Amino acid sequence: MESANSKEFGESPFSAWTFEKKDIWKQEQLQSKVDEYNRLLSYCNELENKLDVLGAESGHQQFNQLNFQGSAKNKITFLEEYKTLIFLGINILFIIFITIFFYYHPEKEYYPLENSAIFKK
């Protein structure tokens, strides 16, 4: 009786096969990521070895000059450096403008329908 119920409510072999395939796919994906990491690590080690051949300090300076000279990566613009202060300044100016505007242009009738014929008895 139990064996019939377990066959009836148990997982089908197809679903077990798909889970196994999913695990294999995850392992293959993980292995490809590990291979990519190892490739990049070996490339970085090669660059570091070339720098050591040139000399420790001068090699790093030459490497920086060759690869990053004239690129936008090492140039920080004024907006990038002070973007938080610029944003806060614009917000403060906006608050001051709104405060002055509503100070000189107040709403004359806060409840305009209060004195209309609708509320008179």
N, C-alpha and C. Protein backbone atom coordinates (compact mmCIF):
# COMPACT_ATOMS: atom_id res chain seq x y z
N MET A 1 0.82 -1.19 0.00
CA MET A 1 0.00 0.00 0.00
C MET A 1 0.86 1.26 0.00
N GLU A 2 1.92 1.25 0.83
CA GLU A 2 2.79 2.41 0.88
C GLU A 2 3.55 2.60 -0.42
N SER A 3 3.94 1.52 -1.03
CA SER A 3 4.69 1.64 -2.28
C SER A 3 3.83 2.23 -3.38
N ALA A 4 2.54 1.92 -3.39
CA ALA A 4 1.64 2.49 -4.39
C ALA A 4 1.48 3.98 -4.16
N ASN A 5 1.33 4.38 -2.89
CA ASN A 5 1.19 5.81 -2.58
C ASN A 5 2.47 6.57 -2.89
N SER A 6 3.60 5.98 -2.60
CA SER A 6 4.85 6.68 -2.86
C SER A 6 5.08 6.84 -4.36
N LYS A 7 4.67 5.83 -5.16
CA LYS A 7 4.79 5.98 -6.60
C LYS A 7 3.82 7.02 -7.12
N GLU A 8 2.66 7.08 -6.48
CA GLU A 8 1.62 8.00 -6.94
C GLU A 8 2.01 9.46 -6.66
N PHE A 9 2.56 9.73 -5.49
CA PHE A 9 2.87 11.10 -5.09
C PHE A 9 4.35 11.45 -5.21
N GLY A 10 5.18 10.51 -5.56
CA GLY A 10 6.61 10.78 -5.67
C GLY A 10 6.93 11.56 -6.93
N GLU A 11 8.18 11.97 -7.04
CA GLU A 11 8.61 12.72 -8.22
C GLU A 11 8.73 11.80 -9.41
N SER A 12 8.38 12.32 -10.55
CA SER A 12 8.51 11.52 -11.76
C SER A 12 9.98 11.47 -12.16
N PRO A 13 10.37 10.47 -12.92
CA PRO A 13 11.77 10.41 -13.35
C PRO A 13 12.17 11.58 -14.24
N PHE A 14 11.20 12.15 -14.95
CA PHE A 14 11.52 13.29 -15.81
C PHE A 14 11.94 14.50 -14.99
N SER A 15 11.21 14.79 -13.90
CA SER A 15 11.58 15.94 -13.07
C SER A 15 12.93 15.70 -12.40
N ALA A 16 13.18 14.48 -11.98
CA ALA A 16 14.49 14.19 -11.38
C ALA A 16 15.59 14.38 -12.41
N TRP A 17 15.32 13.99 -13.66
CA TRP A 17 16.30 14.18 -14.73
C TRP A 17 16.55 15.66 -14.98
N THR A 18 15.48 16.49 -14.96
CA THR A 18 15.68 17.92 -15.21
C THR A 18 16.47 18.56 -14.09
N PHE A 19 16.22 18.16 -12.84
CA PHE A 19 17.01 18.72 -11.75
C PHE A 19 18.48 18.35 -11.90
N GLU A 20 18.73 17.12 -12.32
CA GLU A 20 20.11 16.70 -12.53
C GLU A 20 20.74 17.51 -13.65
N LYS A 21 20.01 17.75 -14.71
CA LYS A 21 20.53 18.56 -15.80
C LYS A 21 20.80 19.99 -15.35
N LYS A 22 19.89 20.53 -14.50
CA LYS A 22 20.11 21.89 -14.00
C LYS A 22 21.39 21.96 -13.18
N ASP A 23 21.62 20.94 -12.34
CA ASP A 23 22.85 20.93 -11.55
C ASP A 23 24.08 20.87 -12.44
N ILE A 24 24.01 20.06 -13.49
CA ILE A 24 25.14 19.97 -14.42
C ILE A 24 25.36 21.31 -15.11
N TRP A 25 24.26 21.97 -15.50
CA TRP A 25 24.38 23.27 -16.16
C TRP A 25 25.02 24.29 -15.23
N LYS A 26 24.62 24.26 -13.95
CA LYS A 26 25.22 25.20 -12.99
C LYS A 26 26.71 24.91 -12.82
N GLN A 27 27.07 23.63 -12.80
CA GLN A 27 28.48 23.29 -12.66
C GLN A 27 29.28 23.75 -13.88
N GLU A 28 28.70 23.60 -15.07
CA GLU A 28 29.39 24.05 -16.28
C GLU A 28 29.53 25.57 -16.28
N GLN A 29 28.48 26.25 -15.85
CA GLN A 29 28.53 27.71 -15.80
C GLN A 29 29.57 28.17 -14.78
N LEU A 30 29.60 27.52 -13.63
CA LEU A 30 30.59 27.85 -12.61
C LEU A 30 32.00 27.59 -13.11
N GLN A 31 32.17 26.48 -13.81
CA GLN A 31 33.50 26.16 -14.34
C GLN A 31 33.94 27.19 -15.38
N SER A 32 33.01 27.68 -16.19
CA SER A 32 33.38 28.70 -17.18
C SER A 32 33.79 30.00 -16.48
N LYS A 33 33.11 30.34 -15.38
CA LYS A 33 33.49 31.54 -14.62
C LYS A 33 34.87 31.37 -13.99
N VAL A 34 35.14 30.18 -13.47
CA VAL A 34 36.46 29.91 -12.87
C VAL A 34 37.55 30.00 -13.92
N ASP A 35 37.28 29.45 -15.11
CA ASP A 35 38.26 29.53 -16.19
C ASP A 35 38.52 30.97 -16.60
N GLU A 36 37.46 31.78 -16.67
CA GLU A 36 37.62 33.20 -17.02
C GLU A 36 38.44 33.93 -15.97
N TYR A 37 38.16 33.64 -14.69
CA TYR A 37 38.92 34.26 -13.60
C TYR A 37 40.40 33.87 -13.67
N ASN A 38 40.66 32.61 -13.91
CA ASN A 38 42.06 32.15 -14.00
C ASN A 38 42.78 32.79 -15.18
N ARG A 39 42.08 32.96 -16.29
CA ARG A 39 42.68 33.60 -17.46
C ARG A 39 43.05 35.05 -17.15
N LEU A 40 42.12 35.78 -16.52
CA LEU A 40 42.40 37.17 -16.16
C LEU A 40 43.52 37.28 -15.13
N LEU A 41 43.53 36.34 -14.18
CA LEU A 41 44.57 36.35 -13.16
C LEU A 41 45.94 36.11 -13.79
N SER A 42 46.02 35.18 -14.73
CA SER A 42 47.31 34.93 -15.38
C SER A 42 47.74 36.14 -16.21
N TYR A 43 46.78 36.82 -16.85
CA TYR A 43 47.12 38.04 -17.60
C TYR A 43 47.66 39.12 -16.67
N CYS A 44 47.03 39.29 -15.51
CA CYS A 44 47.52 40.29 -14.54
C CYS A 44 48.91 39.92 -14.03
N ASN A 45 49.13 38.65 -13.81
CA ASN A 45 50.46 38.21 -13.36
C ASN A 45 51.51 38.47 -14.42
N GLU A 46 51.17 38.27 -15.69
CA GLU A 46 52.12 38.57 -16.77
C GLU A 46 52.46 40.05 -16.79
N LEU A 47 51.46 40.90 -16.65
CA LEU A 47 51.72 42.35 -16.62
C LEU A 47 52.60 42.73 -15.44
N GLU A 48 52.32 42.12 -14.29
CA GLU A 48 53.12 42.43 -13.12
C GLU A 48 54.56 41.99 -13.30
N ASN A 49 54.76 40.84 -13.92
CA ASN A 49 56.12 40.37 -14.17
C ASN A 49 56.85 41.29 -15.14
N LYS A 50 56.15 41.80 -16.15
CA LYS A 50 56.78 42.74 -17.08
C LYS A 50 57.17 44.03 -16.36
N LEU A 51 56.34 44.47 -15.43
CA LEU A 51 56.67 45.67 -14.68
C LEU A 51 57.88 45.44 -13.78
N ASP A 52 57.96 44.25 -13.20
CA ASP A 52 59.12 43.94 -12.36
C ASP A 52 60.40 43.92 -13.17
N VAL A 53 60.33 43.50 -14.41
CA VAL A 53 61.51 43.50 -15.28
C VAL A 53 61.97 44.92 -15.53
N LEU A 54 61.03 45.83 -15.78
CA LEU A 54 61.39 47.22 -16.05
C LEU A 54 61.94 47.94 -14.82
N GLY A 55 61.60 47.46 -13.66
CA GLY A 55 61.99 48.13 -12.43
C GLY A 55 60.73 48.51 -11.68
N ALA A 56 60.80 48.42 -10.38
CA ALA A 56 59.58 48.56 -9.58
C ALA A 56 58.90 49.90 -9.77
N GLU A 57 59.60 50.98 -9.43
CA GLU A 57 58.95 52.29 -9.44
C GLU A 57 58.79 52.84 -10.84
N SER A 58 59.85 52.78 -11.62
CA SER A 58 59.79 53.34 -12.97
C SER A 58 58.86 52.53 -13.86
N GLY A 59 58.77 51.23 -13.61
CA GLY A 59 57.88 50.39 -14.41
C GLY A 59 56.43 50.76 -14.22
N HIS A 60 56.04 51.00 -12.99
CA HIS A 60 54.65 51.38 -12.73
C HIS A 60 54.35 52.74 -13.35
N GLN A 61 55.29 53.66 -13.27
CA GLN A 61 55.07 54.98 -13.86
C GLN A 61 54.95 54.88 -15.37
N GLN A 62 55.82 54.10 -16.00
CA GLN A 62 55.74 53.95 -17.46
C GLN A 62 54.45 53.26 -17.87
N PHE A 63 54.04 52.27 -17.09
CA PHE A 63 52.79 51.56 -17.40
C PHE A 63 51.60 52.51 -17.33
N ASN A 64 51.57 53.36 -16.30
CA ASN A 64 50.47 54.33 -16.18
C ASN A 64 50.51 55.34 -17.31
N GLN A 65 51.69 55.78 -17.68
CA GLN A 65 51.78 56.77 -18.76
C GLN A 65 51.38 56.17 -20.10
N LEU A 66 51.76 54.92 -20.35
CA LEU A 66 51.44 54.31 -21.64
C LEU A 66 49.95 54.01 -21.78
N ASN A 67 49.35 53.47 -20.74
CA ASN A 67 47.97 53.00 -20.87
C ASN A 67 46.92 54.05 -20.55
N PHE A 68 47.25 55.02 -19.73
CA PHE A 68 46.22 55.96 -19.30
C PHE A 68 46.51 57.40 -19.69
N GLN A 69 47.47 57.61 -20.53
CA GLN A 69 47.79 58.97 -20.92
C GLN A 69 46.72 59.48 -21.89
N GLY A 70 46.12 60.60 -21.54
CA GLY A 70 45.11 61.20 -22.39
C GLY A 70 43.75 60.53 -22.31
N SER A 71 43.59 59.54 -21.47
CA SER A 71 42.28 58.90 -21.36
C SER A 71 41.43 59.66 -20.36
N ALA A 72 40.14 59.46 -20.46
CA ALA A 72 39.21 60.19 -19.59
C ALA A 72 39.10 59.54 -18.22
N LYS A 73 39.73 58.40 -18.01
CA LYS A 73 39.59 57.70 -16.74
C LYS A 73 40.24 58.46 -15.59
N ASN A 74 41.37 59.09 -15.84
CA ASN A 74 42.06 59.76 -14.75
C ASN A 74 41.75 61.25 -14.67
N LYS A 75 40.87 61.74 -15.54
CA LYS A 75 40.49 63.15 -15.49
C LYS A 75 39.13 63.26 -14.81
N ILE A 76 39.12 63.94 -13.67
CA ILE A 76 37.87 64.13 -12.94
C ILE A 76 37.39 65.55 -13.21
N THR A 77 36.21 65.66 -13.74
CA THR A 77 35.69 66.98 -14.07
C THR A 77 35.15 67.66 -12.82
N PHE A 78 34.89 68.95 -12.96
CA PHE A 78 34.36 69.73 -11.85
C PHE A 78 33.01 69.19 -11.40
N LEU A 79 32.16 68.84 -12.37
CA LEU A 79 30.82 68.34 -12.03
C LEU A 79 30.89 67.01 -11.28
N GLU A 80 31.79 66.13 -11.69
CA GLU A 80 31.91 64.84 -11.00
C GLU A 80 32.44 65.00 -9.59
N GLU A 81 33.33 65.96 -9.40
CA GLU A 81 33.95 66.12 -8.09
C GLU A 81 32.99 66.79 -7.10
N TYR A 82 32.21 67.75 -7.58
CA TYR A 82 31.36 68.53 -6.69
C TYR A 82 29.88 68.32 -6.98
N LYS A 83 29.49 67.15 -7.48
CA LYS A 83 28.09 66.96 -7.87
C LYS A 83 27.16 66.98 -6.66
N THR A 84 27.60 66.51 -5.51
CA THR A 84 26.75 66.54 -4.32
C THR A 84 26.53 67.97 -3.85
N LEU A 85 27.60 68.75 -3.82
CA LEU A 85 27.46 70.15 -3.40
C LEU A 85 26.61 70.95 -4.38
N ILE A 86 26.77 70.68 -5.66
CA ILE A 86 25.96 71.37 -6.67
C ILE A 86 24.49 71.01 -6.49
N PHE A 87 24.21 69.74 -6.26
CA PHE A 87 22.83 69.29 -6.06
C PHE A 87 22.22 69.94 -4.82
N LEU A 88 22.98 69.98 -3.72
CA LEU A 88 22.47 70.62 -2.50
C LEU A 88 22.27 72.11 -2.70
N GLY A 89 23.17 72.77 -3.42
CA GLY A 89 23.01 74.20 -3.69
C GLY A 89 21.77 74.49 -4.50
N ILE A 90 21.51 73.68 -5.51
CA ILE A 90 20.30 73.88 -6.32
C ILE A 90 19.05 73.67 -5.46
N ASN A 91 19.07 72.67 -4.59
CA ASN A 91 17.92 72.43 -3.71
C ASN A 91 17.70 73.59 -2.76
N ILE A 92 18.76 74.13 -2.19
CA ILE A 92 18.62 75.26 -1.26
C ILE A 92 18.09 76.48 -2.00
N LEU A 93 18.60 76.76 -3.19
CA LEU A 93 18.09 77.89 -3.97
C LEU A 93 16.61 77.69 -4.32
N PHE A 94 16.22 76.48 -4.63
CA PHE A 94 14.81 76.21 -4.94
C PHE A 94 13.93 76.45 -3.72
N ILE A 95 14.38 76.02 -2.54
CA ILE A 95 13.61 76.24 -1.31
C ILE A 95 13.49 77.73 -1.01
N ILE A 96 14.58 78.47 -1.18
CA ILE A 96 14.54 79.93 -0.96
C ILE A 96 13.58 80.59 -1.94
N PHE A 97 13.64 80.19 -3.21
CA PHE A 97 12.75 80.77 -4.21
C PHE A 97 11.28 80.49 -3.88
N ILE A 98 10.96 79.28 -3.51
CA ILE A 98 9.58 78.92 -3.17
C ILE A 98 9.11 79.69 -1.94
N THR A 99 9.98 79.82 -0.94
CA THR A 99 9.61 80.56 0.28
C THR A 99 9.32 82.02 -0.04
N ILE A 100 10.18 82.67 -0.80
CA ILE A 100 9.97 84.08 -1.16
C ILE A 100 8.73 84.23 -2.03
N PHE A 101 8.52 83.32 -2.97
CA PHE A 101 7.37 83.41 -3.85
C PHE A 101 6.07 83.33 -3.05
N PHE A 102 5.96 82.39 -2.14
CA PHE A 102 4.72 82.26 -1.37
C PHE A 102 4.61 83.31 -0.28
N TYR A 103 5.72 83.94 0.11
CA TYR A 103 5.64 85.05 1.06
C TYR A 103 5.04 86.28 0.38
N TYR A 104 5.46 86.57 -0.84
CA TYR A 104 4.95 87.75 -1.54
C TYR A 104 3.65 87.48 -2.29
N HIS A 105 3.30 86.24 -2.52
CA HIS A 105 2.06 85.91 -3.22
C HIS A 105 1.27 84.90 -2.41
N PRO A 106 0.75 85.34 -1.26
CA PRO A 106 -0.01 84.38 -0.44
C PRO A 106 -1.38 84.11 -1.07
N GLU A 107 -1.96 83.03 -0.68
CA GLU A 107 -3.30 82.71 -1.16
C GLU A 107 -4.28 83.61 -0.42
N LYS A 108 -5.08 84.38 -1.17
CA LYS A 108 -5.96 85.36 -0.53
C LYS A 108 -7.14 84.66 0.14
N GLU A 109 -7.74 83.74 -0.54
CA GLU A 109 -8.89 83.05 0.03
C GLU A 109 -8.52 81.59 0.24
N TYR A 110 -8.35 81.27 1.50
CA TYR A 110 -7.95 79.90 1.79
C TYR A 110 -9.09 78.92 1.54
N TYR A 111 -10.33 79.37 1.84
CA TYR A 111 -11.51 78.54 1.61
C TYR A 111 -12.49 79.34 0.78
N PRO A 112 -12.38 79.34 -0.52
CA PRO A 112 -13.18 80.24 -1.35
C PRO A 112 -14.67 79.94 -1.35
N LEU A 113 -15.07 78.72 -1.05
CA LEU A 113 -16.50 78.39 -1.07
C LEU A 113 -17.19 78.67 0.26
N GLU A 114 -16.44 79.16 1.24
CA GLU A 114 -17.01 79.37 2.57
C GLU A 114 -18.10 80.45 2.56
N ASN A 115 -17.90 81.50 1.78
CA ASN A 115 -18.86 82.61 1.75
C ASN A 115 -19.82 82.51 0.57
N SER A 116 -19.84 81.42 -0.11
CA SER A 116 -20.72 81.30 -1.26
C SER A 116 -22.13 80.92 -0.82
N ALA A 117 -23.04 80.90 -1.77
CA ALA A 117 -24.44 80.64 -1.47
C ALA A 117 -24.68 79.19 -1.06
N ILE A 118 -23.77 78.33 -1.31
CA ILE A 118 -23.96 76.92 -0.96
C ILE A 118 -24.02 76.74 0.55
N PHE A 119 -23.18 77.49 1.29
CA PHE A 119 -23.11 77.32 2.73
C PHE A 119 -24.06 78.23 3.49
N LYS A 120 -24.70 79.18 2.83
CA LYS A 120 -25.63 80.08 3.52
C LYS A 120 -26.98 79.40 3.67
N LYS A 121 -27.58 79.60 4.83
CA LYS A 121 -28.88 78.97 5.09
C LYS A 121 -29.99 79.99 5.07
